[in-house]
Amino acid sequence: MGKEPVYRWSDSTVIAPLINHWPAWSYLISPAAASLHLLDYQLKTMRSYLQDPESHVRACKDPELIGGPFMDIEPGRAGDVRRLLAETERMQRGNQELARAIIDAYSLLADQAQGQELESFYPKLPYRLRGYVELVYDYYNHPVVRMLEGLLYESEYYDARLQSLKISRPERDNSRPFFMSTPCLDRDDEIDWAKPFNDPQADWLFSLDVEPQPLGIIRETLGLSEKDEPRLMPMLSQGPASPPEKWQGADVRIRYFGHACVLAEWRGISILTDPFVSAMPTGGGIERLTYRDLPAKIDYALVTHNHCDHFVLETLLRLRHRIGHLVVPRSFGLLHGDVSLKLMCRQLGFKNVIEMDTLERIELGDGKIVAVPFLGEHGDLPHAKTAYVVRAGNQAMMFAADSNCLDRHMYERVRDCVGDIETVFLGTESVGAPLSWSYGPLFPRKPSHGVNQSRRQRGCDAARALDLLEAVGARRVYNYGMGQEPWLEHILALGLTEDSPQICESDKLLAEARRRGFIAAERLFGKREFYLEESAGEPRRPSLGVPRTGEDQESFDDRPSLASEVNDAEDTFVF
């Protein structure tokens, strides 16, 4: 008898994490933020849809309105939305009350706390908040309700029973509706697997990308019967999986997976930044690297910040069994929107999570990963974010994501500490979403129109990008994170064209960098592979680990290392 055939996921299969049928992202997981988003966005959007489903569908077809609070669900399924609304109101009643309690607590403190002691306010707090917060002031006596986030994860407000995984095969890159505003209703050609994200069986399911299994075992694990095979079989491909071997060369190999997702490899070390990997739609699409193009083991996955296009749960969960260490920015937890990615990821089943603060580092033999400041792009909110400098032998690369050069002096000080950074990956999101886009439900009192517009979530324009590059001594610039890949539309809904301000600023940046004689100046798109080799010509300033300044400066190599931890382990659309 022949050997039993084995199957892996097809290149078109998407496994999307859902929370109560909504596409999962960080503000649907951390209990305080999730409760506020539920009350101020999800419930309002569903009720608005049920009042006039046709207008929602029309809005979703209008390029000017995509990305707003409009549900892209055909009117014939309004009954399903009504049932979801009723079920949500019933099952998440406690979360709605928690959200109201947060708003009431802030209103109480804003009206009555004027710098006097805060001890007397604890008995006045709504019952839902008692035991889950600390009341504090800033140095101007502005009161803050600081969430004890770890306790909230152990409370009724975090319910893993709402989590599930939807397995599907999109026909086109743009066939998925905008993720914040449209829940995923059941469809006959999709499979819904009701499992918490941290269930060990989920890693087994994800491992089908690299470890094919017999059909019967796959079907049994998913709780399906033989009659379900017509739904399951299109999701699978027969035969072995062949992930590429790790790159062993001394030169750094760069493989670009789209947006800000870059795989950097050298001497058997692999680092993946802001993981966001796309499947190939059944109807085809632009050429891309997919899950099959990643090594079976990724040593470090670096997350720069908690925005939905950089902290991408769909990709992170699917790669969880492959990621050796997940590296995230430090959260200070003063504001409830500054959620701890470390706590969250551990709650979601990641075993080795490293939280990094400025100039902390991870040693890598002939290299290291260093956390450096990330200014801008967050509407002046103190939320966790970091850029990373990766040294690979003699190469130094900065993955700056959507950093904005608000203060050139900061980048000059970084250069003083880590030496020249020859290669910079940087976005030019020079427009940015209004403050309330995604952050809206976090505000107990909504920002005015003027504030909402002035505090847009901007990255660099060309002038600021050039300032940053000059300050760190760059000679290569790769413009990335631009949101042009079609598989980002359901996340960002940017609809960029060649005339968009972001692209115009990118063109200016690259033209000027070429005029100045940069070794490389390129906008990345879709798929790209190249190598970084030591450049000839003028000598470089000191590399990572050697400060430029005098002996009285603290040595960079005396700064905190995380090696021990590694070893242990207009505003219409207001959100």
Protein backbone atom coordinates (compact mmCIF):
# COMPACT_ATOMS: atom_id res chain seq x y z
CA MET A 1 0.00 0.00 0.00
CA GLY A 2 1.13 3.52 -0.75
CA LYS A 3 1.94 6.04 1.91
CA GLU A 4 -1.02 8.10 3.13
CA PRO A 5 -1.05 11.53 1.43
CA VAL A 6 -0.39 14.57 3.58
CA TYR A 7 -1.68 18.11 3.21
CA ARG A 8 -0.55 21.61 4.09
CA TRP A 9 -2.33 24.94 3.87
CA SER A 10 -2.60 26.25 0.34
CA ASP A 11 -0.87 29.48 -0.62
CA SER A 12 -4.31 31.14 -0.77
CA THR A 13 -5.50 30.14 2.70
CA VAL A 14 -6.06 32.86 5.28
CA ILE A 15 -6.51 32.06 8.98
CA ALA A 16 -8.04 35.17 10.52
CA PRO A 17 -8.39 35.55 14.31
CA LEU A 18 -11.80 36.83 15.39
CA ILE A 19 -13.21 38.14 18.66
CA ASN A 20 -16.97 37.81 18.83
CA HIS A 21 -16.95 37.61 15.00
CA TRP A 22 -14.93 40.85 14.60
CA PRO A 23 -11.40 40.79 13.12
CA ALA A 24 -9.02 40.76 16.07
CA TRP A 25 -6.63 43.60 16.83
CA SER A 26 -5.02 44.84 20.02
CA TYR A 27 -7.85 47.15 21.11
CA LEU A 28 -10.25 44.20 21.07
CA ILE A 29 -8.02 42.22 23.44
CA SER A 30 -6.76 44.43 26.27
CA PRO A 31 -9.88 44.58 28.50
CA ALA A 32 -10.18 48.33 29.15
CA ALA A 33 -9.55 49.37 25.54
CA ALA A 34 -11.74 46.51 24.26
CA SER A 35 -14.63 47.56 26.48
CA LEU A 36 -14.43 51.18 25.34
CA HIS A 37 -14.22 50.14 21.69
CA LEU A 38 -17.21 47.85 22.14
CA LEU A 39 -19.35 50.57 23.70
CA ASP A 40 -18.33 53.52 21.56
CA TYR A 41 -17.75 51.85 18.20
CA GLN A 42 -18.97 48.32 17.62
CA LEU A 43 -22.41 48.65 19.20
CA LYS A 44 -22.96 52.07 17.65
CA THR A 45 -21.93 50.81 14.22
CA MET A 46 -24.25 47.80 14.36
CA ARG A 47 -27.19 49.92 15.50
CA SER A 48 -26.52 52.47 12.78
CA TYR A 49 -26.37 49.71 10.16
CA LEU A 50 -29.70 48.24 11.27
CA GLN A 51 -31.37 51.64 10.89
CA ASP A 52 -30.31 51.88 7.21
CA PRO A 53 -28.31 48.94 5.79
CA GLU A 54 -28.38 50.31 2.23
CA SER A 55 -26.61 53.54 3.18
CA HIS A 56 -23.82 51.58 4.85
CA VAL A 57 -23.28 49.45 1.76
CA ARG A 58 -23.23 52.57 -0.46
CA ALA A 59 -20.71 54.25 1.85
CA CYS A 60 -18.40 51.22 1.62
CA LYS A 61 -18.27 51.67 -2.16
CA ASP A 62 -17.32 55.36 -1.88
CA PRO A 63 -13.51 55.80 -1.87
CA GLU A 64 -13.90 58.91 0.31
CA LEU A 65 -15.78 56.98 3.01
CA ILE A 66 -13.91 53.67 3.11
CA GLY A 67 -12.35 53.30 6.53
CA GLY A 68 -15.29 54.91 8.30
CA PRO A 69 -17.83 53.26 10.64
CA PHE A 70 -19.84 51.62 7.86
CA MET A 71 -20.60 47.91 7.70
CA ASP A 72 -19.98 46.22 4.36
CA ILE A 73 -22.72 43.60 4.74
CA GLU A 74 -25.49 43.11 2.20
CA PRO A 75 -28.92 44.24 3.47
CA GLY A 76 -30.26 40.71 3.10
CA ARG A 77 -28.16 39.70 6.11
CA ALA A 78 -29.49 42.40 8.41
CA GLY A 79 -31.16 39.67 10.46
CA ASP A 80 -27.76 38.11 11.17
CA VAL A 81 -26.44 41.50 12.31
CA ARG A 82 -29.48 41.92 14.56
CA ARG A 83 -28.80 38.56 16.17
CA LEU A 84 -25.11 39.42 16.63
CA LEU A 85 -26.06 42.72 18.26
CA ALA A 86 -28.46 41.00 20.66
CA GLU A 87 -25.92 38.32 21.53
CA THR A 88 -23.20 40.93 22.06
CA GLU A 89 -25.38 43.01 24.37
CA ARG A 90 -26.16 39.89 26.37
CA MET A 91 -22.70 38.26 26.57
CA GLN A 92 -20.66 41.43 26.99
CA ARG A 93 -22.88 43.34 29.38
CA GLY A 94 -20.07 43.50 31.92
CA ASN A 95 -17.67 45.04 29.39
CA GLN A 96 -20.22 47.72 28.54
CA GLU A 97 -20.56 48.55 32.23
CA LEU A 98 -16.76 48.62 32.60
CA ALA A 99 -16.52 51.13 29.75
CA ARG A 100 -19.14 53.36 31.34
CA ALA A 101 -17.32 53.06 34.67
CA ILE A 102 -14.05 54.25 33.07
CA ILE A 103 -15.81 57.27 31.56
CA ASP A 104 -17.57 58.07 34.84
CA ALA A 105 -14.32 57.78 36.82
CA TYR A 106 -12.50 60.19 34.54
CA SER A 107 -15.41 62.63 34.68
CA LEU A 108 -15.40 62.46 38.47
CA LEU A 109 -11.69 63.16 38.72
CA ALA A 110 -11.70 65.84 36.00
CA ASP A 111 -14.45 67.72 37.84
CA GLN A 112 -13.34 67.27 41.46
CA ALA A 113 -9.64 66.35 41.70
CA GLN A 114 -7.75 69.64 41.81
CA GLY A 115 -4.47 68.52 43.37
CA GLN A 116 -5.74 67.42 46.77
CA GLU A 117 -5.15 63.86 47.99
CA LEU A 118 -6.76 61.14 45.89
CA GLU A 119 -7.29 58.64 48.70
CA SER A 120 -10.83 59.85 49.28
CA PHE A 121 -11.80 59.17 45.65
CA TYR A 122 -11.34 55.39 45.80
CA PRO A 123 -14.67 54.80 47.60
CA LYS A 124 -16.38 57.01 45.01
CA LEU A 125 -15.23 54.91 42.05
CA PRO A 126 -17.84 52.87 40.17
CA TYR A 127 -17.95 49.32 41.51
CA ARG A 128 -16.80 47.84 38.18
CA LEU A 129 -13.45 49.64 38.54
CA ARG A 130 -12.80 48.92 42.21
CA GLY A 131 -9.60 46.95 42.65
CA TYR A 132 -8.49 47.39 39.03
CA VAL A 133 -7.06 50.91 39.04
CA GLU A 134 -4.64 53.27 40.74
CA LEU A 135 -5.44 56.98 40.90
CA VAL A 136 -2.47 59.27 40.27
CA TYR A 137 -1.57 62.83 39.27
CA ASP A 138 0.95 64.14 36.80
CA TYR A 139 3.23 66.96 37.97
CA TYR A 140 0.67 69.58 36.98
CA ASN A 141 -1.93 67.86 39.16
CA HIS A 142 -3.90 66.44 36.25
CA PRO A 143 -5.58 63.22 37.48
CA VAL A 144 -5.14 59.89 35.69
CA VAL A 145 -6.88 56.55 36.14
CA ARG A 146 -4.08 54.01 35.73
CA MET A 147 -5.36 50.55 34.82
CA LEU A 148 -3.82 47.52 36.53
CA GLU A 149 -3.86 45.67 33.24
CA GLY A 150 -2.57 42.34 34.54
CA LEU A 151 -5.50 42.07 36.95
CA LEU A 152 -7.97 42.90 34.21
CA TYR A 153 -6.74 39.96 32.14
CA GLU A 154 -7.66 37.68 35.05
CA SER A 155 -11.13 39.20 35.41
CA GLU A 156 -14.48 38.57 33.75
CA TYR A 157 -13.65 41.38 31.32
CA TYR A 158 -11.28 39.12 29.38
CA ASP A 159 -13.25 36.24 27.88
CA ALA A 160 -11.24 33.90 25.65
CA ARG A 161 -14.47 32.06 24.77
CA LEU A 162 -15.21 34.88 22.33
CA GLN A 163 -12.09 34.02 20.30
CA SER A 164 -12.14 31.94 17.13
CA LEU A 165 -10.22 31.34 13.91
CA LYS A 166 -11.84 31.73 10.51
CA ILE A 167 -10.28 29.79 7.64
CA SER A 168 -10.99 31.13 4.16
CA ARG A 169 -9.61 31.69 0.67
CA PRO A 170 -10.15 35.29 -0.51
CA GLU A 171 -10.66 35.70 -4.23
CA ARG A 172 -8.94 39.11 -4.42
CA ASP A 173 -6.67 41.17 -2.22
CA ASN A 174 -9.34 43.84 -1.86
CA SER A 175 -12.25 41.44 -1.28
CA ARG A 176 -11.94 41.70 2.50
CA PRO A 177 -13.97 44.57 4.02
CA PHE A 178 -12.43 47.19 6.28
CA PHE A 179 -11.61 45.25 9.41
CA MET A 180 -12.67 47.69 12.16
CA SER A 181 -16.19 48.24 10.94
CA THR A 182 -17.42 44.90 9.56
CA PRO A 183 -17.86 41.68 11.52
CA CYS A 184 -17.30 38.34 9.77
CA LEU A 185 -20.64 36.57 9.46
CA ASP A 186 -20.77 32.84 8.77
CA ARG A 187 -20.35 31.69 5.16
CA ASP A 188 -20.77 28.24 3.65
CA ASP A 189 -17.34 28.28 1.97
CA GLU A 190 -15.45 29.16 5.17
CA ILE A 191 -14.58 27.25 8.33
CA ASP A 192 -15.01 28.73 11.81
CA TRP A 193 -12.97 27.05 14.53
CA ALA A 194 -14.02 28.12 18.03
CA LYS A 195 -10.70 27.96 19.85
CA PRO A 196 -8.95 30.48 22.13
CA PHE A 197 -5.87 31.94 20.49
CA ASN A 198 -3.57 30.43 23.13
CA ASP A 199 -4.89 26.89 22.73
CA PRO A 200 -1.99 24.51 21.92
CA GLN A 201 -4.03 23.04 19.08
CA ALA A 202 -3.90 26.42 17.36
CA ASP A 203 -0.13 26.11 16.96
CA TRP A 204 -0.66 22.63 15.53
CA LEU A 205 -3.09 24.14 13.04
CA PHE A 206 -0.67 26.91 12.07
CA SER A 207 2.18 24.41 11.74
CA LEU A 208 0.46 22.90 8.70
CA ASP A 209 2.32 25.57 6.74
CA VAL A 210 5.56 23.63 7.31
CA GLU A 211 4.47 20.21 8.64
CA PRO A 212 1.82 18.58 6.40
CA GLN A 213 -0.56 16.07 7.99
CA PRO A 214 -3.01 13.39 6.81
CA LEU A 215 -6.45 14.66 5.88
CA GLY A 216 -8.24 12.66 8.56
CA ILE A 217 -6.17 14.18 11.35
CA ILE A 218 -6.75 17.72 10.03
CA ARG A 219 -10.48 17.12 9.75
CA GLU A 220 -10.71 15.60 13.22
CA THR A 221 -8.72 18.43 14.81
CA LEU A 222 -11.06 21.00 13.27
CA GLY A 223 -14.10 19.06 14.48
CA LEU A 224 -15.31 18.40 10.95
CA SER A 225 -16.96 15.34 9.44
CA GLU A 226 -16.50 13.73 6.04
CA LYS A 227 -19.42 15.73 4.67
CA ASP A 228 -17.41 18.91 5.40
CA GLU A 229 -14.55 17.86 3.10
CA PRO A 230 -15.85 19.91 0.14
CA ARG A 231 -15.27 23.01 2.30
CA LEU A 232 -11.94 21.86 3.68
CA MET A 233 -10.18 20.50 0.59
CA PRO A 234 -9.87 23.84 -1.27
CA MET A 235 -7.98 25.17 1.76
CA LEU A 236 -5.30 22.49 1.42
CA SER A 237 -2.48 21.57 -0.93
CA GLN A 238 -1.08 18.07 -1.19
CA GLY A 239 2.55 17.30 -0.76
CA PRO A 240 5.48 18.35 1.41
CA ALA A 241 6.29 21.89 2.50
CA SER A 242 9.78 23.16 1.82
CA PRO A 243 10.60 26.28 3.84
CA PRO A 244 13.86 27.85 2.73
CA GLU A 245 17.04 27.19 4.64
CA LYS A 246 18.37 30.03 6.75
CA TRP A 247 20.84 32.26 4.95
CA GLN A 248 24.36 31.49 6.19
CA GLY A 249 26.27 34.16 4.27
CA ALA A 250 28.25 36.98 5.94
CA ASP A 251 26.51 39.61 3.79
CA VAL A 252 23.06 40.58 5.04
CA ARG A 253 20.26 39.21 2.90
CA ILE A 254 17.13 41.36 2.92
CA ARG A 255 13.79 39.92 1.83
CA TYR A 256 10.85 42.33 1.69
CA PHE A 257 7.38 40.87 2.34
CA GLY A 258 5.43 44.13 1.94
CA HIS A 259 4.62 47.21 4.03
CA ALA A 260 7.12 47.27 6.96
CA CYS A 261 7.75 43.51 7.01
CA VAL A 262 11.43 42.80 6.32
CA LEU A 263 13.38 39.60 6.87
CA ALA A 264 17.06 40.30 7.59
CA GLU A 265 19.38 37.26 7.67
CA TRP A 266 23.09 36.67 8.05
CA ARG A 267 25.24 33.82 9.40
CA GLY A 268 22.14 31.75 10.22
CA ILE A 269 20.43 34.53 12.23
CA SER A 270 16.96 35.62 11.12
CA ILE A 271 15.11 38.77 12.19
CA LEU A 272 11.62 39.65 10.96
CA THR A 273 10.34 43.19 11.45
CA ASP A 274 6.66 44.13 11.91
CA PRO A 275 5.44 40.76 10.64
CA PHE A 276 2.67 41.17 8.05
CA VAL A 277 2.53 38.34 5.51
CA SER A 278 -0.08 37.96 2.80
CA ALA A 279 -1.59 34.88 1.19
CA MET A 280 -1.99 34.82 -2.60
CA PRO A 281 -5.69 35.25 -3.50
CA THR A 282 -7.35 32.55 -5.56
CA GLY A 283 -7.86 35.07 -8.38
CA GLY A 284 -4.16 35.96 -8.41
CA GLY A 285 -2.47 39.24 -7.61
CA ILE A 286 0.85 41.01 -7.59
CA GLU A 287 3.92 38.90 -6.96
CA ARG A 288 4.77 38.53 -3.27
CA LEU A 289 6.59 36.47 -0.69
CA THR A 290 4.27 34.34 1.45
CA TYR A 291 4.46 32.11 4.52
CA ARG A 292 6.25 29.45 2.46
CA ASP A 293 9.15 31.89 1.92
CA LEU A 294 9.92 32.24 5.61
CA PRO A 295 12.42 29.97 7.36
CA ALA A 296 11.03 27.23 9.61
CA LYS A 297 12.50 29.11 12.59
CA ILE A 298 12.59 32.90 12.99
CA ASP A 299 14.99 33.90 15.75
CA TYR A 300 13.51 37.34 16.50
CA ALA A 301 10.33 39.08 15.43
CA LEU A 302 10.44 42.83 16.12
CA VAL A 303 7.29 44.92 16.59
CA THR A 304 7.83 48.68 16.41
CA HIS A 305 4.44 49.90 17.66
CA ASN A 306 0.88 48.99 18.41
CA HIS A 307 -0.82 50.07 15.20
CA CYS A 308 -2.94 47.59 13.27
CA ASP A 309 -0.55 47.48 10.30
CA HIS A 310 2.52 46.78 12.45
CA PHE A 311 1.17 44.62 15.28
CA VAL A 312 -0.75 42.24 13.01
CA LEU A 313 -2.33 39.41 14.98
CA GLU A 314 -3.25 37.42 11.89
CA THR A 315 0.41 37.05 10.96
CA LEU A 316 1.87 36.90 14.47
CA LEU A 317 -0.40 34.08 15.62
CA ARG A 318 0.22 32.07 12.46
CA LEU A 319 3.98 32.42 13.00
CA ARG A 320 3.89 31.96 16.77
CA HIS A 321 5.30 28.40 16.64
CA ARG A 322 8.13 29.60 14.37
CA ILE A 323 9.16 32.69 16.38
CA GLY A 324 11.95 32.16 18.88
CA HIS A 325 11.58 35.55 20.61
CA LEU A 326 8.96 38.23 20.10
CA VAL A 327 10.35 41.71 20.80
CA VAL A 328 7.95 44.56 21.63
CA PRO A 329 8.27 48.18 22.82
CA ARG A 330 7.96 49.01 26.48
CA SER A 331 4.58 50.20 27.70
CA PHE A 332 4.47 52.66 30.57
CA GLY A 333 0.83 51.93 31.36
CA LEU A 334 -0.09 55.43 32.49
CA LEU A 335 -2.92 55.70 29.96
CA HIS A 336 -5.36 52.86 29.32
CA GLY A 337 -4.68 53.09 25.58
CA ASP A 338 -0.98 52.41 26.16
CA VAL A 339 -1.65 48.70 26.35
CA SER A 340 1.17 46.35 27.27
CA LEU A 341 2.09 44.25 24.26
CA LYS A 342 4.20 42.10 26.57
CA LEU A 343 1.21 41.20 28.76
CA MET A 344 -1.02 40.78 25.73
CA CYS A 345 1.32 38.49 23.82
CA ARG A 346 1.96 36.31 26.83
CA GLN A 347 -1.80 36.07 27.30
CA LEU A 348 -2.05 35.02 23.64
CA GLY A 349 0.38 32.14 24.06
CA PHE A 350 3.77 33.59 23.08
CA LYS A 351 6.35 32.00 25.34
CA ASN A 352 9.36 34.30 24.93
CA VAL A 353 8.34 37.97 24.88
CA ILE A 354 10.97 40.67 25.38
CA GLU A 355 9.97 44.26 26.16
CA MET A 356 12.65 46.80 25.21
CA ASP A 357 13.27 50.38 26.31
CA THR A 358 15.65 52.98 24.85
CA LEU A 359 19.19 51.68 24.23
CA GLU A 360 18.53 48.26 25.72
CA ARG A 361 20.04 45.61 23.52
CA ILE A 362 20.05 41.93 22.65
CA GLU A 363 23.43 40.38 21.83
CA LEU A 364 23.66 38.29 18.65
CA GLY A 365 27.23 37.01 18.42
CA ASP A 366 28.66 39.31 15.77
CA GLY A 367 25.67 41.63 16.02
CA LYS A 368 22.97 43.03 18.26
CA ILE A 369 19.49 44.50 18.32
CA VAL A 370 19.22 47.94 19.94
CA ALA A 371 16.01 49.79 20.79
CA VAL A 372 16.11 53.48 19.83
CA PRO A 373 13.49 56.23 20.22
CA PHE A 374 10.51 56.51 17.88
CA LEU A 375 8.98 60.00 17.81
CA GLY A 376 5.70 61.08 16.27
CA GLU A 377 2.82 59.30 14.48
CA HIS A 378 0.78 58.73 17.65
CA GLY A 379 -1.15 61.98 17.94
CA ASP A 380 1.06 63.14 20.83
CA LEU A 381 -0.17 60.27 23.00
CA PRO A 382 2.45 58.50 25.14
CA HIS A 383 1.92 55.04 23.71
CA ALA A 384 4.54 52.30 23.45
CA LYS A 385 6.75 52.49 20.38
CA THR A 386 10.36 51.90 19.44
CA ALA A 387 12.54 51.77 16.37
CA TYR A 388 15.32 49.20 16.18
CA VAL A 389 18.92 49.36 15.09
CA VAL A 390 20.20 45.96 14.01
CA ARG A 391 23.91 45.41 13.71
CA ALA A 392 24.94 42.48 11.53
CA GLY A 393 28.71 42.24 11.41
CA ASN A 394 29.83 45.59 9.99
CA GLN A 395 26.37 46.56 8.82
CA ALA A 396 24.05 48.78 10.87
CA MET A 397 20.38 49.03 9.86
CA MET A 398 17.62 51.11 11.40
CA PHE A 399 14.03 49.94 11.08
CA ALA A 400 12.30 53.21 11.87
CA ALA A 401 8.75 52.39 10.69
CA ASP A 402 6.60 55.56 10.78
CA SER A 403 9.01 57.62 12.89
CA ASN A 404 8.78 61.38 12.49
CA CYS A 405 11.92 63.48 12.88
CA LEU A 406 10.39 65.94 15.33
CA ASP A 407 13.79 66.66 16.88
CA ARG A 408 16.94 66.10 14.85
CA HIS A 409 19.02 66.40 18.02
CA MET A 410 17.57 63.12 19.28
CA TYR A 411 18.86 61.25 16.23
CA GLU A 412 22.25 62.92 16.59
CA ARG A 413 22.40 61.67 20.18
CA VAL A 414 21.47 58.18 19.01
CA ARG A 415 24.37 58.35 16.54
CA ASP A 416 26.66 59.44 19.37
CA CYS A 417 25.72 56.25 21.22
CA VAL A 418 25.60 53.67 18.43
CA GLY A 419 27.73 55.11 15.65
CA ASP A 420 26.80 55.58 12.00
CA ILE A 421 23.66 53.85 10.78
CA GLU A 422 24.36 53.31 7.12
CA THR A 423 21.00 51.74 6.12
CA VAL A 424 17.61 53.16 7.13
CA PHE A 425 14.15 51.74 6.45
CA LEU A 426 11.66 54.59 6.87
CA GLY A 427 8.10 55.48 5.89
CA THR A 428 6.79 58.82 4.64
CA GLU A 429 3.21 58.81 5.91
CA SER A 430 3.17 62.59 5.88
CA VAL A 431 -0.62 62.98 6.16
CA GLY A 432 -1.69 60.64 8.93
CA ALA A 433 -5.12 59.77 10.23
CA PRO A 434 -7.01 62.18 12.50
CA LEU A 435 -6.42 61.71 16.21
CA SER A 436 -9.78 59.97 16.69
CA TRP A 437 -9.19 57.34 14.01
CA SER A 438 -8.77 54.18 16.10
CA TYR A 439 -8.10 56.24 19.26
CA GLY A 440 -11.55 57.84 19.46
CA PRO A 441 -13.18 55.41 21.92
CA LEU A 442 -10.29 55.87 24.35
CA PHE A 443 -11.23 59.50 25.04
CA PRO A 444 -13.80 59.99 27.83
CA ARG A 445 -14.44 63.45 26.35
CA LYS A 446 -14.12 63.63 22.58
CA PRO A 447 -11.51 65.91 20.99
CA SER A 448 -12.72 68.98 19.15
CA HIS A 449 -12.53 69.10 15.37
CA GLY A 450 -9.51 71.42 15.53
CA VAL A 451 -7.64 69.14 17.93
CA ASN A 452 -8.56 66.09 15.89
CA GLN A 453 -7.03 67.60 12.77
CA SER A 454 -3.97 69.26 14.29
CA ARG A 455 -2.90 66.07 16.05
CA ARG A 456 -2.96 63.82 13.02
CA GLN A 457 -0.90 60.63 13.27
CA ARG A 458 1.88 61.76 10.92
CA GLY A 459 5.21 60.29 9.99
CA CYS A 460 7.99 62.02 8.07
CA ASP A 461 7.68 64.17 5.00
CA ALA A 462 10.69 64.40 2.66
CA ALA A 463 12.41 67.23 4.55
CA ARG A 464 12.16 65.53 7.93
CA ALA A 465 13.19 62.19 6.48
CA LEU A 466 16.32 63.78 5.03
CA ASP A 467 17.02 65.42 8.39
CA LEU A 468 16.84 62.01 10.06
CA LEU A 469 19.06 60.37 7.45
CA GLU A 470 21.68 63.09 7.71
CA ALA A 471 21.62 62.98 11.52
CA VAL A 472 22.37 59.23 11.69
CA GLY A 473 24.91 59.20 8.86
CA ALA A 474 22.82 57.12 6.44
CA ARG A 475 24.01 56.18 2.95
CA ARG A 476 21.14 53.90 2.01
CA VAL A 477 17.43 54.62 2.39
CA TYR A 478 14.62 52.20 1.73
CA ASN A 479 11.23 53.86 1.81
CA TYR A 480 8.77 51.29 3.17
CA GLY A 481 5.55 51.01 5.17
CA MET A 482 3.70 53.05 2.56
CA GLY A 483 0.49 51.02 2.50
CA GLN A 484 0.54 50.59 -1.28
CA GLU A 485 0.31 46.81 -1.38
CA PRO A 486 -3.27 45.83 -2.22
CA TRP A 487 -3.51 43.38 0.68
CA LEU A 488 -3.33 46.32 3.11
CA GLU A 489 -6.57 47.92 1.94
CA HIS A 490 -8.76 46.08 4.47
CA ILE A 491 -6.42 47.33 7.22
CA LEU A 492 -5.59 50.91 6.17
CA ALA A 493 -8.12 51.85 3.47
CA LEU A 494 -5.68 54.46 2.12
CA GLY A 495 -6.34 54.13 -1.59
CA LEU A 496 -3.04 55.82 -2.47
CA THR A 497 -2.31 56.99 -6.02
CA GLU A 498 0.81 58.45 -7.60
CA ASP A 499 -0.59 61.92 -6.79
CA SER A 500 -1.15 61.21 -3.09
CA PRO A 501 0.89 63.47 -0.77
CA GLN A 502 2.61 60.48 0.81
CA ILE A 503 3.88 59.26 -2.57
CA CYS A 504 4.88 62.76 -3.67
CA GLU A 505 6.93 63.17 -0.48
CA SER A 506 8.49 59.77 -1.09
CA ASP A 507 9.48 60.81 -4.61
CA LYS A 508 11.09 64.00 -3.27
CA LEU A 509 12.99 62.07 -0.62
CA LEU A 510 14.37 59.49 -3.03
CA ALA A 511 15.29 62.04 -5.70
CA GLU A 512 17.24 64.14 -3.20
CA ALA A 513 18.93 61.09 -1.67
CA ARG A 514 20.11 60.05 -5.15
CA ARG A 515 21.30 63.58 -5.85
CA ARG A 516 23.36 63.44 -2.65
CA GLY A 517 25.02 60.23 -3.83
CA PHE A 518 23.33 57.67 -1.60
CA ILE A 519 24.40 54.09 -2.38
CA ALA A 520 20.71 53.12 -2.53
CA ALA A 521 17.47 55.11 -2.52
CA GLU A 522 14.41 53.03 -3.29
CA ARG A 523 10.70 52.71 -2.47
CA LEU A 524 9.92 49.10 -1.67
CA PHE A 525 6.75 47.53 -2.99
CA GLY A 526 5.34 44.02 -3.07
CA LYS A 527 8.39 41.77 -3.22
CA ARG A 528 12.11 42.47 -3.14
CA GLU A 529 15.35 40.68 -2.32
CA PHE A 530 18.81 42.26 -2.06
CA TYR A 531 22.07 42.08 -0.13
CA LEU A 532 23.92 44.62 1.99
CA GLU A 533 27.66 44.64 1.46
CA GLU A 534 30.26 46.80 3.14
CA SER A 535 30.60 49.95 1.05
CA ALA A 536 33.91 51.24 -0.19
CA GLY A 537 35.05 54.84 -0.04
CA GLU A 538 35.08 57.27 2.85
CA PRO A 539 35.65 55.79 6.32
CA ARG A 540 32.69 55.23 8.57
CA ARG A 541 32.24 56.56 12.07
CA PRO A 542 32.32 54.12 15.01
CA SER A 543 29.98 51.17 14.81
CA LEU A 544 27.50 50.00 17.43
CA GLY A 545 28.89 49.76 20.91
CA VAL A 546 31.44 52.60 20.68
CA PRO A 547 30.41 56.11 21.75
CA ARG A 548 31.95 59.04 19.89
CA THR A 549 32.16 61.26 22.93
CA GLY A 550 34.76 61.37 25.71
CA GLU A 551 35.72 58.76 28.26
CA ASP A 552 33.44 60.31 30.90
CA GLN A 553 30.39 59.13 28.92
CA GLU A 554 28.89 55.85 30.04
CA SER A 555 30.07 53.13 27.69
CA PHE A 556 27.37 51.83 25.42
CA ASP A 557 28.41 48.28 26.27
CA ASP A 558 27.75 49.04 29.95
CA ARG A 559 24.12 49.83 29.22
CA PRO A 560 21.41 47.29 30.07
CA SER A 561 21.48 44.07 28.08
CA LEU A 562 18.53 41.76 27.64
CA ALA A 563 20.71 38.75 26.93
CA SER A 564 19.80 37.09 30.24
CA GLU A 565 16.10 37.56 29.58
CA VAL A 566 16.52 36.08 26.11
CA ASN A 567 18.23 33.11 27.53
CA ASP A 568 15.41 32.65 30.04
CA ALA A 569 13.03 32.46 27.67
CA GLU A 570 -13.45 65.26 9.32
CA ASP A 571 -13.75 63.39 11.44
CA THR A 572 -16.96 61.74 10.30
CA PHE A 573 -15.21 58.50 10.94
CA VAL A 574 -14.56 58.79 14.65
CA PHE A 575 -13.42 55.57 16.31
